[in-house]
Full PDB file with SEQRES, HELIX, SHEET, SSBOND, CRYST1, ORIGX, SCALE, CONECT and MASTER records, all heavy atoms in Angstrom:
SEQRES   1 A   41  GLN GLN GLN GLY GLY GLY TRP THR LEU PRO ASP PHE GLY          
SEQRES   2 A   41  GLY GLY ASN ARG THR SER ASP ARG ARG THR SER SER ARG          
SEQRES   3 A   41  ARG SER TYR GLN ARG GLN THR VAL THR GLU ALA ALA ILE          
SEQRES   4 A   41  LYS SER                                                      
HELIX    1 AA1 ARG A   21  LYS A   40  1                                  20    
CRYST1    1.000    1.000    1.000  90.00  90.00  90.00 P 1           1          
ORIGX1      1.000000  0.000000  0.000000        0.00000                         
ORIGX2      0.000000  1.000000  0.000000        0.00000                         
ORIGX3      0.000000  0.000000  1.000000        0.00000                         
SCALE1      1.000000  0.000000  0.000000        0.00000                         
SCALE2      0.000000  1.000000  0.000000        0.00000                         
SCALE3      0.000000  0.000000  1.000000        0.00000                         
ATOM      1  N   GLN A   1       0.833  -1.201   0.000  1.00  0.00           N  
ATOM      2  CA  GLN A   1       0.000   0.000   0.000  1.00  0.00           C  
ATOM      3  C   GLN A   1       0.865   1.247   0.000  1.00  0.00           C  
ATOM      4  O   GLN A   1       1.793   1.373   0.781  1.00  0.00           O  
ATOM      5  CB  GLN A   1      -0.901   0.006   1.240  1.00  0.00           C  
ATOM      6  CG  GLN A   1      -1.936  -1.112   1.205  1.00  0.00           C  
ATOM      7  CD  GLN A   1      -2.874  -0.992   2.393  1.00  0.00           C  
ATOM      8  OE1 GLN A   1      -2.667  -0.194   3.292  1.00  0.00           O  
ATOM      9  NE2 GLN A   1      -3.912  -1.818   2.369  1.00  0.00           N  
ATOM     10  N   GLN A   2       0.571   2.182  -0.915  1.00  0.00           N  
ATOM     11  CA  GLN A   2       1.314   3.429  -1.016  1.00  0.00           C  
ATOM     12  C   GLN A   2       0.975   4.365   0.119  1.00  0.00           C  
ATOM     13  O   GLN A   2       1.780   5.158   0.543  1.00  0.00           O  
ATOM     14  CB  GLN A   2       0.979   4.113  -2.353  1.00  0.00           C  
ATOM     15  CG  GLN A   2       1.442   3.321  -3.562  1.00  0.00           C  
ATOM     16  CD  GLN A   2       2.923   3.416  -3.745  1.00  0.00           C  
ATOM     17  OE1 GLN A   2       3.547   4.409  -3.384  1.00  0.00           O  
ATOM     18  NE2 GLN A   2       3.503   2.364  -4.286  1.00  0.00           N  
ATOM     19  N   GLN A   3      -0.217   4.294   0.621  1.00  0.00           N  
ATOM     20  CA  GLN A   3      -0.632   5.271   1.639  1.00  0.00           C  
ATOM     21  C   GLN A   3      -1.482   4.556   2.667  1.00  0.00           C  
ATOM     22  O   GLN A   3      -2.453   3.916   2.341  1.00  0.00           O  
ATOM     23  CB  GLN A   3      -1.443   6.389   0.979  1.00  0.00           C  
ATOM     24  CG  GLN A   3      -1.828   7.482   1.969  1.00  0.00           C  
ATOM     25  CD  GLN A   3      -2.503   8.629   1.267  1.00  0.00           C  
ATOM     26  OE1 GLN A   3      -2.464   8.717   0.047  1.00  0.00           O  
ATOM     27  NE2 GLN A   3      -3.116   9.503   2.023  1.00  0.00           N  
ATOM     28  N   GLY A   4      -1.099   4.580   3.901  1.00  0.00           N  
ATOM     29  CA  GLY A   4      -1.841   3.926   4.965  1.00  0.00           C  
ATOM     30  C   GLY A   4      -2.549   4.927   5.822  1.00  0.00           C  
ATOM     31  O   GLY A   4      -2.590   6.108   5.566  1.00  0.00           O  
ATOM     32  N   GLY A   5      -3.097   4.438   6.918  1.00  0.00           N  
ATOM     33  CA  GLY A   5      -3.841   5.315   7.817  1.00  0.00           C  
ATOM     34  C   GLY A   5      -2.949   5.955   8.859  1.00  0.00           C  
ATOM     35  O   GLY A   5      -3.406   6.750   9.660  1.00  0.00           O  
ATOM     36  N   GLY A   6      -1.618   5.629   8.883  1.00  0.00           N  
ATOM     37  CA  GLY A   6      -0.726   6.203   9.899  1.00  0.00           C  
ATOM     38  C   GLY A   6       0.349   7.037   9.266  1.00  0.00           C  
ATOM     39  O   GLY A   6       0.105   7.983   8.545  1.00  0.00           O  
ATOM     40  N   TRP A   7       1.611   6.677   9.502  1.00  0.00           N  
ATOM     41  CA  TRP A   7       2.741   7.424   8.985  1.00  0.00           C  
ATOM     42  C   TRP A   7       2.837   7.291   7.474  1.00  0.00           C  
ATOM     43  O   TRP A   7       2.540   6.273   6.897  1.00  0.00           O  
ATOM     44  CB  TRP A   7       4.050   6.901   9.601  1.00  0.00           C  
ATOM     45  CG  TRP A   7       4.165   7.234  11.062  1.00  0.00           C  
ATOM     46  CD1 TRP A   7       3.575   6.612  12.082  1.00  0.00           C  
ATOM     47  CD2 TRP A   7       4.928   8.275  11.602  1.00  0.00           C  
ATOM     48  NE1 TRP A   7       3.910   7.185  13.264  1.00  0.00           N  
ATOM     49  CE2 TRP A   7       4.751   8.225  13.014  1.00  0.00           C  
ATOM     50  CE3 TRP A   7       5.762   9.295  11.075  1.00  0.00           C  
ATOM     51  CZ2 TRP A   7       5.365   9.126  13.870  1.00  0.00           C  
ATOM     52  CZ3 TRP A   7       6.374  10.176  11.960  1.00  0.00           C  
ATOM     53  CH2 TRP A   7       6.167  10.090  13.331  1.00  0.00           C  
ATOM     54  N   THR A   8       3.348   8.394   6.810  1.00  0.00           N  
ATOM     55  CA  THR A   8       3.647   8.387   5.387  1.00  0.00           C  
ATOM     56  C   THR A   8       5.145   8.517   5.221  1.00  0.00           C  
ATOM     57  O   THR A   8       5.744   9.448   5.753  1.00  0.00           O  
ATOM     58  CB  THR A   8       2.952   9.568   4.683  1.00  0.00           C  
ATOM     59  OG1 THR A   8       1.557   9.461   4.898  1.00  0.00           O  
ATOM     60  CG2 THR A   8       3.257   9.526   3.192  1.00  0.00           C  
ATOM     61  N   LEU A   9       5.718   7.534   4.466  1.00  0.00           N  
ATOM     62  CA  LEU A   9       7.163   7.534   4.341  1.00  0.00           C  
ATOM     63  C   LEU A   9       7.615   8.710   3.489  1.00  0.00           C  
ATOM     64  O   LEU A   9       7.007   9.015   2.457  1.00  0.00           O  
ATOM     65  CB  LEU A   9       7.636   6.227   3.707  1.00  0.00           C  
ATOM     66  CG  LEU A   9       7.366   4.963   4.541  1.00  0.00           C  
ATOM     67  CD1 LEU A   9       7.767   3.739   3.750  1.00  0.00           C  
ATOM     68  CD2 LEU A   9       8.109   5.020   5.867  1.00  0.00           C  
ATOM     69  N   PRO A  10       8.709   9.419   3.892  1.00  0.00           N  
ATOM     70  CA  PRO A  10       9.223  10.531   3.091  1.00  0.00           C  
ATOM     71  C   PRO A  10       9.841  10.027   1.799  1.00  0.00           C  
ATOM     72  O   PRO A  10      10.270   8.892   1.704  1.00  0.00           O  
ATOM     73  CB  PRO A  10      10.292  11.148   3.999  1.00  0.00           C  
ATOM     74  CG  PRO A  10      10.718  10.043   4.896  1.00  0.00           C  
ATOM     75  CD  PRO A  10       9.508   9.204   5.122  1.00  0.00           C  
ATOM     76  N   ASP A  11       9.874  10.915   0.808  1.00  0.00           N  
ATOM     77  CA  ASP A  11      10.431  10.568  -0.500  1.00  0.00           C  
ATOM     78  C   ASP A  11      11.910  10.867  -0.509  1.00  0.00           C  
ATOM     79  O   ASP A  11      12.332  12.007  -0.622  1.00  0.00           O  
ATOM     80  CB  ASP A  11       9.721  11.397  -1.575  1.00  0.00           C  
ATOM     81  CG  ASP A  11      10.200  11.010  -2.972  1.00  0.00           C  
ATOM     82  OD1 ASP A  11      10.926   9.995  -3.066  1.00  0.00           O  
ATOM     83  OD2 ASP A  11       9.823  11.700  -3.916  1.00  0.00           O  
ATOM     84  N   PHE A  12      12.717   9.747  -0.355  1.00  0.00           N  
ATOM     85  CA  PHE A  12      14.174   9.952  -0.316  1.00  0.00           C  
ATOM     86  C   PHE A  12      14.820   9.736  -1.678  1.00  0.00           C  
ATOM     87  O   PHE A  12      15.977  10.001  -1.864  1.00  0.00           O  
ATOM     88  CB  PHE A  12      14.823   8.973   0.677  1.00  0.00           C  
ATOM     89  CG  PHE A  12      14.447   9.274   2.103  1.00  0.00           C  
ATOM     90  CD1 PHE A  12      13.603   8.414   2.800  1.00  0.00           C  
ATOM     91  CD2 PHE A  12      14.919  10.402   2.734  1.00  0.00           C  
ATOM     92  CE1 PHE A  12      13.269   8.679   4.102  1.00  0.00           C  
ATOM     93  CE2 PHE A  12      14.573  10.660   4.054  1.00  0.00           C  
ATOM     94  CZ  PHE A  12      13.742   9.794   4.740  1.00  0.00           C  
ATOM     95  N   GLY A  13      14.111   9.194  -2.606  1.00  0.00           N  
ATOM     96  CA  GLY A  13      14.767   8.901  -3.895  1.00  0.00           C  
ATOM     97  C   GLY A  13      14.750  10.111  -4.784  1.00  0.00           C  
ATOM     98  O   GLY A  13      13.832  10.666  -5.021  1.00  0.00           O  
ATOM     99  N   GLY A  14      15.595  10.569  -5.460  1.00  0.00           N  
ATOM    100  CA  GLY A  14      15.622  11.819  -6.227  1.00  0.00           C  
ATOM    101  C   GLY A  14      14.620  11.862  -7.342  1.00  0.00           C  
ATOM    102  O   GLY A  14      14.981  11.795  -8.502  1.00  0.00           O  
ATOM    103  N   GLY A  15      13.376  12.014  -6.985  1.00  0.00           N  
ATOM    104  CA  GLY A  15      12.349  12.134  -8.003  1.00  0.00           C  
ATOM    105  C   GLY A  15      12.351  13.507  -8.641  1.00  0.00           C  
ATOM    106  O   GLY A  15      13.050  14.414  -8.225  1.00  0.00           O  
ATOM    107  N   ASN A  16      11.581  13.779  -9.653  1.00  0.00           N  
ATOM    108  CA  ASN A  16      11.476  15.049 -10.368  1.00  0.00           C  
ATOM    109  C   ASN A  16      10.550  15.963  -9.590  1.00  0.00           C  
ATOM    110  O   ASN A  16       9.347  15.974  -9.786  1.00  0.00           O  
ATOM    111  CB  ASN A  16      10.936  14.808 -11.782  1.00  0.00           C  
ATOM    112  CG  ASN A  16      11.049  16.064 -12.636  1.00  0.00           C  
ATOM    113  OD1 ASN A  16      11.360  17.131 -12.127  1.00  0.00           O  
ATOM    114  ND2 ASN A  16      10.800  15.904 -13.936  1.00  0.00           N  
ATOM    115  N   ARG A  17      11.146  16.744  -8.686  1.00  0.00           N  
ATOM    116  CA  ARG A  17      10.331  17.562  -7.784  1.00  0.00           C  
ATOM    117  C   ARG A  17       9.718  18.749  -8.504  1.00  0.00           C  
ATOM    118  O   ARG A  17       8.676  19.225  -8.111  1.00  0.00           O  
ATOM    119  CB  ARG A  17      11.201  18.047  -6.625  1.00  0.00           C  
ATOM    120  CG  ARG A  17      11.698  16.871  -5.776  1.00  0.00           C  
ATOM    121  CD  ARG A  17      12.576  17.315  -4.631  1.00  0.00           C  
ATOM    122  NE  ARG A  17      13.040  16.182  -3.857  1.00  0.00           N  
ATOM    123  CZ  ARG A  17      13.870  16.297  -2.825  1.00  0.00           C  
ATOM    124  NH1 ARG A  17      14.342  17.489  -2.463  1.00  0.00           N  
ATOM    125  NH2 ARG A  17      14.232  15.219  -2.178  1.00  0.00           N  
ATOM    126  N   THR A  18      10.412  19.308  -9.540  1.00  0.00           N  
ATOM    127  CA  THR A  18       9.854  20.464 -10.255  1.00  0.00           C  
ATOM    128  C   THR A  18       8.619  20.090 -11.040  1.00  0.00           C  
ATOM    129  O   THR A  18       7.733  20.904 -11.243  1.00  0.00           O  
ATOM    130  CB  THR A  18      10.909  21.038 -11.223  1.00  0.00           C  
ATOM    131  OG1 THR A  18      11.525  19.956 -11.915  1.00  0.00           O  
ATOM    132  CG2 THR A  18      11.889  21.878 -10.500  1.00  0.00           C  
ATOM    133  N   SER A  19       8.541  18.837 -11.519  1.00  0.00           N  
ATOM    134  CA  SER A  19       7.383  18.427 -12.316  1.00  0.00           C  
ATOM    135  C   SER A  19       6.196  18.037 -11.468  1.00  0.00           C  
ATOM    136  O   SER A  19       5.098  17.913 -11.965  1.00  0.00           O  
ATOM    137  CB  SER A  19       7.756  17.255 -13.219  1.00  0.00           C  
ATOM    138  OG  SER A  19       8.097  16.130 -12.413  1.00  0.00           O  
ATOM    139  N   ASP A  20       6.457  17.831 -10.130  1.00  0.00           N  
ATOM    140  CA  ASP A  20       5.345  17.424  -9.264  1.00  0.00           C  
ATOM    141  C   ASP A  20       5.445  18.152  -7.933  1.00  0.00           C  
ATOM    142  O   ASP A  20       5.593  17.541  -6.887  1.00  0.00           O  
ATOM    143  CB  ASP A  20       5.381  15.914  -9.051  1.00  0.00           C  
ATOM    144  CG  ASP A  20       4.043  15.399  -8.540  1.00  0.00           C  
ATOM    145  OD1 ASP A  20       3.094  16.181  -8.386  1.00  0.00           O  
ATOM    146  OD2 ASP A  20       3.964  14.178  -8.290  1.00  0.00           O  
ATOM    147  N   ARG A  21       5.398  19.504  -7.999  1.00  0.00           N  
ATOM    148  CA  ARG A  21       5.602  20.284  -6.775  1.00  0.00           C  
ATOM    149  C   ARG A  21       4.460  20.128  -5.799  1.00  0.00           C  
ATOM    150  O   ARG A  21       4.648  20.218  -4.599  1.00  0.00           O  
ATOM    151  CB  ARG A  21       5.772  21.762  -7.157  1.00  0.00           C  
ATOM    152  CG  ARG A  21       7.049  22.006  -7.938  1.00  0.00           C  
ATOM    153  CD  ARG A  21       7.253  23.485  -8.180  1.00  0.00           C  
ATOM    154  NE  ARG A  21       8.510  23.704  -8.896  1.00  0.00           N  
ATOM    155  CZ  ARG A  21       8.949  24.909  -9.228  1.00  0.00           C  
ATOM    156  NH1 ARG A  21       8.257  25.977  -8.919  1.00  0.00           N  
ATOM    157  NH2 ARG A  21      10.096  25.020  -9.885  1.00  0.00           N  
ATOM    158  N   ARG A  22       3.286  19.975  -6.363  1.00  0.00           N  
ATOM    159  CA  ARG A  22       2.137  19.835  -5.459  1.00  0.00           C  
ATOM    160  C   ARG A  22       2.286  18.591  -4.602  1.00  0.00           C  
ATOM    161  O   ARG A  22       2.029  18.608  -3.404  1.00  0.00           O  
ATOM    162  CB  ARG A  22       0.850  19.745  -6.270  1.00  0.00           C  
ATOM    163  CG  ARG A  22       0.497  21.059  -6.967  1.00  0.00           C  
ATOM    164  CD  ARG A  22      -0.824  20.931  -7.663  1.00  0.00           C  
ATOM    165  NE  ARG A  22      -1.175  22.163  -8.340  1.00  0.00           N  
ATOM    166  CZ  ARG A  22      -2.295  22.338  -9.044  1.00  0.00           C  
ATOM    167  NH1 ARG A  22      -3.144  21.335  -9.166  1.00  0.00           N  
ATOM    168  NH2 ARG A  22      -2.542  23.504  -9.618  1.00  0.00           N  
ATOM    169  N   THR A  23       2.733  17.524  -5.219  1.00  0.00           N  
ATOM    170  CA  THR A  23       2.933  16.288  -4.458  1.00  0.00           C  
ATOM    171  C   THR A  23       4.023  16.456  -3.436  1.00  0.00           C  
ATOM    172  O   THR A  23       3.895  16.043  -2.287  1.00  0.00           O  
ATOM    173  CB  THR A  23       3.300  15.154  -5.408  1.00  0.00           C  
ATOM    174  OG1 THR A  23       2.260  15.011  -6.384  1.00  0.00           O  
ATOM    175  CG2 THR A  23       3.455  13.842  -4.667  1.00  0.00           C  
ATOM    176  N   SER A  24       5.156  17.121  -3.824  1.00  0.00           N  
ATOM    177  CA  SER A  24       6.262  17.334  -2.891  1.00  0.00           C  
ATOM    178  C   SER A  24       5.858  18.217  -1.753  1.00  0.00           C  
ATOM    179  O   SER A  24       6.212  17.976  -0.602  1.00  0.00           O  
ATOM    180  CB  SER A  24       7.446  17.958  -3.648  1.00  0.00           C  
ATOM    181  OG  SER A  24       8.498  18.215  -2.767  1.00  0.00           O  
ATOM    182  N   SER A  25       5.101  19.309  -2.047  1.00  0.00           N  
ATOM    183  CA  SER A  25       4.653  20.217  -0.994  1.00  0.00           C  
ATOM    184  C   SER A  25       3.740  19.505  -0.023  1.00  0.00           C  
ATOM    185  O   SER A  25       3.825  19.690   1.182  1.00  0.00           O  
ATOM    186  CB  SER A  25       3.937  21.415  -1.629  1.00  0.00           C  
ATOM    187  OG  SER A  25       3.392  22.228  -0.637  1.00  0.00           O  
ATOM    188  N   ARG A  26       2.863  18.650  -0.596  1.00  0.00           N  
ATOM    189  CA  ARG A  26       1.907  17.936   0.264  1.00  0.00           C  
ATOM    190  C   ARG A  26       2.649  16.986   1.186  1.00  0.00           C  
ATOM    191  O   ARG A  26       2.346  16.866   2.362  1.00  0.00           O  
ATOM    192  CB  ARG A  26       0.922  17.171  -0.627  1.00  0.00           C  
ATOM    193  CG  ARG A  26      -0.224  16.566   0.147  1.00  0.00           C  
ATOM    194  CD  ARG A  26      -1.402  16.233  -0.778  1.00  0.00           C  
ATOM    195  NE  ARG A  26      -1.006  15.405  -1.918  1.00  0.00           N  
ATOM    196  CZ  ARG A  26      -1.031  15.850  -3.158  1.00  0.00           C  
ATOM    197  NH1 ARG A  26      -1.415  17.087  -3.443  1.00  0.00           N  
ATOM    198  NH2 ARG A  26      -0.660  15.043  -4.156  1.00  0.00           N  
ATOM    199  N   ARG A  27       3.709  16.289   0.623  1.00  0.00           N  
ATOM    200  CA  ARG A  27       4.488  15.365   1.463  1.00  0.00           C  
ATOM    201  C   ARG A  27       5.262  16.138   2.536  1.00  0.00           C  
ATOM    202  O   ARG A  27       5.391  15.691   3.674  1.00  0.00           O  
ATOM    203  CB  ARG A  27       5.461  14.572   0.587  1.00  0.00           C  
ATOM    204  CG  ARG A  27       4.754  13.568  -0.315  1.00  0.00           C  
ATOM    205  CD  ARG A  27       5.725  12.898  -1.250  1.00  0.00           C  
ATOM    206  NE  ARG A  27       5.061  11.937  -2.077  1.00  0.00           N  
ATOM    207  CZ  ARG A  27       5.630  11.347  -3.114  1.00  0.00           C  
ATOM    208  NH1 ARG A  27       6.893  11.662  -3.430  1.00  0.00           N  
ATOM    209  NH2 ARG A  27       4.968  10.485  -3.834  1.00  0.00           N  
ATOM    210  N   SER A  28       5.829  17.365   2.173  1.00  0.00           N  
ATOM    211  CA  SER A  28       6.564  18.181   3.140  1.00  0.00           C  
ATOM    212  C   SER A  28       5.664  18.613   4.265  1.00  0.00           C  
ATOM    213  O   SER A  28       6.042  18.588   5.431  1.00  0.00           O  
ATOM    214  CB  SER A  28       7.169  19.408   2.443  1.00  0.00           C  
ATOM    215  OG  SER A  28       7.813  20.222   3.377  1.00  0.00           O  
ATOM    216  N   TYR A  29       4.416  18.967   3.897  1.00  0.00           N  
ATOM    217  CA  TYR A  29       3.461  19.399   4.919  1.00  0.00           C  
ATOM    218  C   TYR A  29       3.163  18.248   5.865  1.00  0.00           C  
ATOM    219  O   TYR A  29       3.090  18.431   7.078  1.00  0.00           O  
ATOM    220  CB  TYR A  29       2.191  19.894   4.244  1.00  0.00           C  
ATOM    221  CG  TYR A  29       1.076  20.177   5.229  1.00  0.00           C  
ATOM    222  CD1 TYR A  29       1.131  21.339   6.014  1.00  0.00           C  
ATOM    223  CD2 TYR A  29       0.016  19.294   5.372  1.00  0.00           C  
ATOM    224  CE1 TYR A  29       0.117  21.592   6.917  1.00  0.00           C  
ATOM    225  CE2 TYR A  29      -0.981  19.554   6.277  1.00  0.00           C  
ATOM    226  CZ  TYR A  29      -0.948  20.720   7.054  1.00  0.00           C  
ATOM    227  OH  TYR A  29      -1.943  20.975   7.948  1.00  0.00           O  
ATOM    228  N   GLN A  30       3.040  17.051   5.288  1.00  0.00           N  
ATOM    229  CA  GLN A  30       2.748  15.893   6.134  1.00  0.00           C  
ATOM    230  C   GLN A  30       3.898  15.625   7.095  1.00  0.00           C  
ATOM    231  O   GLN A  30       3.683  15.326   8.255  1.00  0.00           O  
ATOM    232  CB  GLN A  30       2.484  14.672   5.256  1.00  0.00           C  
ATOM    233  CG  GLN A  30       1.158  14.758   4.494  1.00  0.00           C  
ATOM    234  CD  GLN A  30       1.011  13.615   3.539  1.00  0.00           C  
ATOM    235  OE1 GLN A  30       1.977  12.919   3.271  1.00  0.00           O  
ATOM    236  NE2 GLN A  30      -0.212  13.463   3.022  1.00  0.00           N  
ATOM    237  N   ARG A  31       5.203  15.786   6.587  1.00  0.00           N  
ATOM    238  CA  ARG A  31       6.339  15.539   7.474  1.00  0.00           C  
ATOM    239  C   ARG A  31       6.388  16.562   8.595  1.00  0.00           C  
ATOM    240  O   ARG A  31       6.659  16.235   9.737  1.00  0.00           O  
ATOM    241  CB  ARG A  31       7.642  15.605   6.658  1.00  0.00           C  
ATOM    242  CG  ARG A  31       7.852  14.384   5.767  1.00  0.00           C  
ATOM    243  CD  ARG A  31       9.292  14.327   5.296  1.00  0.00           C  
ATOM    244  NE  ARG A  31       9.654  15.472   4.489  1.00  0.00           N  
ATOM    245  CZ  ARG A  31       9.495  15.528   3.185  1.00  0.00           C  
ATOM    246  NH1 ARG A  31       8.958  14.505   2.544  1.00  0.00           N  
ATOM    247  NH2 ARG A  31       9.863  16.582   2.496  1.00  0.00           N  
ATOM    248  N   GLN A  32       6.135  17.870   8.307  1.00  0.00           N  
ATOM    249  CA  GLN A  32       6.144  18.907   9.346  1.00  0.00           C  
ATOM    250  C   GLN A  32       5.064  18.637  10.370  1.00  0.00           C  
ATOM    251  O   GLN A  32       5.280  18.773  11.569  1.00  0.00           O  
ATOM    252  CB  GLN A  32       5.929  20.285   8.701  1.00  0.00           C  
ATOM    253  CG  GLN A  32       7.096  20.732   7.835  1.00  0.00           C  
ATOM    254  CD  GLN A  32       6.776  22.004   7.068  1.00  0.00           C  
ATOM    255  OE1 GLN A  32       5.718  22.590   7.267  1.00  0.00           O  
ATOM    256  NE2 GLN A  32       7.663  22.404   6.192  1.00  0.00           N  
ATOM    257  N   THR A  33       3.966  18.255   9.899  1.00  0.00           N  
ATOM    258  CA  THR A  33       2.863  18.017  10.826  1.00  0.00           C  
ATOM    259  C   THR A  33       3.199  16.890  11.774  1.00  0.00           C  
ATOM    260  O   THR A  33       2.951  16.964  12.982  1.00  0.00           O  
ATOM    261  CB  THR A  33       1.590  17.690  10.047  1.00  0.00           C  
ATOM    262  OG1 THR A  33       1.314  18.754   9.153  1.00  0.00           O  
ATOM    263  CG2 THR A  33       0.407  17.484  10.968  1.00  0.00           C  
ATOM    264  N   VAL A  34       3.798  15.874  11.253  1.00  0.00           N  
ATOM    265  CA  VAL A  34       4.156  14.737  12.098  1.00  0.00           C  
ATOM    266  C   VAL A  34       5.247  15.114  13.086  1.00  0.00           C  
ATOM    267  O   VAL A  34       5.204  14.763  14.267  1.00  0.00           O  
ATOM    268  CB  VAL A  34       4.613  13.571  11.211  1.00  0.00           C  
ATOM    269  CG1 VAL A  34       5.190  12.453  12.048  1.00  0.00           C  
ATOM    270  CG2 VAL A  34       3.448  13.059  10.365  1.00  0.00           C  
ATOM    271  N   THR A  35       6.233  15.896  12.612  1.00  0.00           N  
ATOM    272  CA  THR A  35       7.345  16.297  13.503  1.00  0.00           C  
ATOM    273  C   THR A  35       6.843  17.161  14.635  1.00  0.00           C  
ATOM    274  O   THR A  35       7.212  16.967  15.815  1.00  0.00           O  
ATOM    275  CB  THR A  35       8.413  17.056  12.690  1.00  0.00           C  
ATOM    276  OG1 THR A  35       8.822  16.227  11.604  1.00  0.00           O  
ATOM    277  CG2 THR A  35       9.606  17.394  13.552  1.00  0.00           C  
ATOM    278  N   GLU A  36       6.028  18.146  14.272  1.00  0.00           N  
ATOM    279  CA  GLU A  36       5.497  19.041  15.312  1.00  0.00           C  
ATOM    280  C   GLU A  36       4.656  18.284  16.314  1.00  0.00           C  
ATOM    281  O   GLU A  36       4.726  18.534  17.525  1.00  0.00           O  
ATOM    282  CB  GLU A  36       4.664  20.145  14.661  1.00  0.00           C  
ATOM    283  CG  GLU A  36       5.514  21.132  13.860  1.00  0.00           C  
ATOM    284  CD  GLU A  36       4.644  22.182  13.169  1.00  0.00           C  
ATOM    285  OE1 GLU A  36       3.402  22.021  13.247  1.00  0.00           O  
ATOM    286  OE2 GLU A  36       5.198  23.087  12.565  1.00  0.00           O  
ATOM    287  N   ALA A  37       3.875  17.343  15.824  1.00  0.00           N  
ATOM    288  CA  ALA A  37       3.024  16.593  16.746  1.00  0.00           C  
ATOM    289  C   ALA A  37       3.867  15.785  17.705  1.00  0.00           C  
ATOM    290  O   ALA A  37       3.562  15.702  18.902  1.00  0.00           O  
ATOM    291  CB  ALA A  37       2.087  15.669  15.933  1.00  0.00           C  
ATOM    292  N   ALA A  38       4.961  15.247  17.230  1.00  0.00           N  
ATOM    293  CA  ALA A  38       5.820  14.443  18.110  1.00  0.00           C  
ATOM    294  C   ALA A  38       6.494  15.290  19.171  1.00  0.00           C  
ATOM    295  O   ALA A  38       6.561  14.925  20.340  1.00  0.00           O  
ATOM    296  CB  ALA A  38       6.869  13.717  17.268  1.00  0.00           C  
ATOM    297  N   ILE A  39       6.954  16.476  18.749  1.00  0.00           N  
ATOM    298  CA  ILE A  39       7.668  17.323  19.717  1.00  0.00           C  
ATOM    299  C   ILE A  39       6.709  17.882  20.740  1.00  0.00           C  
ATOM    300  O   ILE A  39       7.027  18.000  21.925  1.00  0.00           O  
ATOM    301  CB  ILE A  39       8.421  18.441  18.973  1.00  0.00           C  
ATOM    302  CG1 ILE A  39       9.511  17.811  18.095  1.00  0.00           C  
ATOM    303  CG2 ILE A  39       9.019  19.441  19.937  1.00  0.00           C  
ATOM    304  CD1 ILE A  39      10.266  18.795  17.233  1.00  0.00           C  
ATOM    305  N   LYS A  40       5.483  18.217  20.275  1.00  0.00           N  
ATOM    306  CA  LYS A  40       4.501  18.724  21.240  1.00  0.00           C  
ATOM    307  C   LYS A  40       4.168  17.680  22.282  1.00  0.00           C  
ATOM    308  O   LYS A  40       3.959  18.008  23.450  1.00  0.00           O  
ATOM    309  CB  LYS A  40       3.233  19.149  20.512  1.00  0.00           C  
ATOM    310  CG  LYS A  40       3.423  20.441  19.716  1.00  0.00           C  
ATOM    311  CD  LYS A  40       2.150  20.792  18.953  1.00  0.00           C  
ATOM    312  CE  LYS A  40       2.340  22.081  18.152  1.00  0.00           C  
ATOM    313  NZ  LYS A  40       1.132  22.419  17.364  1.00  0.00           N  
ATOM    314  N   SER A  41       4.165  16.459  21.858  1.00  0.00           N  
ATOM    315  CA  SER A  41       3.895  15.397  22.827  1.00  0.00           C  
ATOM    316  C   SER A  41       5.016  15.307  23.846  1.00  0.00           C  
ATOM    317  O   SER A  41       4.778  15.107  25.033  1.00  0.00           O  
ATOM    318  CB  SER A  41       3.767  14.069  22.077  1.00  0.00           C  
ATOM    319  OG  SER A  41       3.618  13.006  22.969  1.00  0.00           O  
TER     320      SER A  41                                                      
MASTER        0    0    0    1    0    0    0    6  319    1    0    4          
END                                                                             
C-alpha cells in the first residue's frame, strides 16, 4: 500500500520535484505536521 492510515514515508529517492511540486509540498506538509506533533507530545 502506497498510503496507509498512519505514517507516510518521506520521498528519499531523487524524483522530479519540479514536475510534481504539489505532491512534494503535500508530502513536506505531512512531514512537518508529524514532527510538530511528536515534539509537542
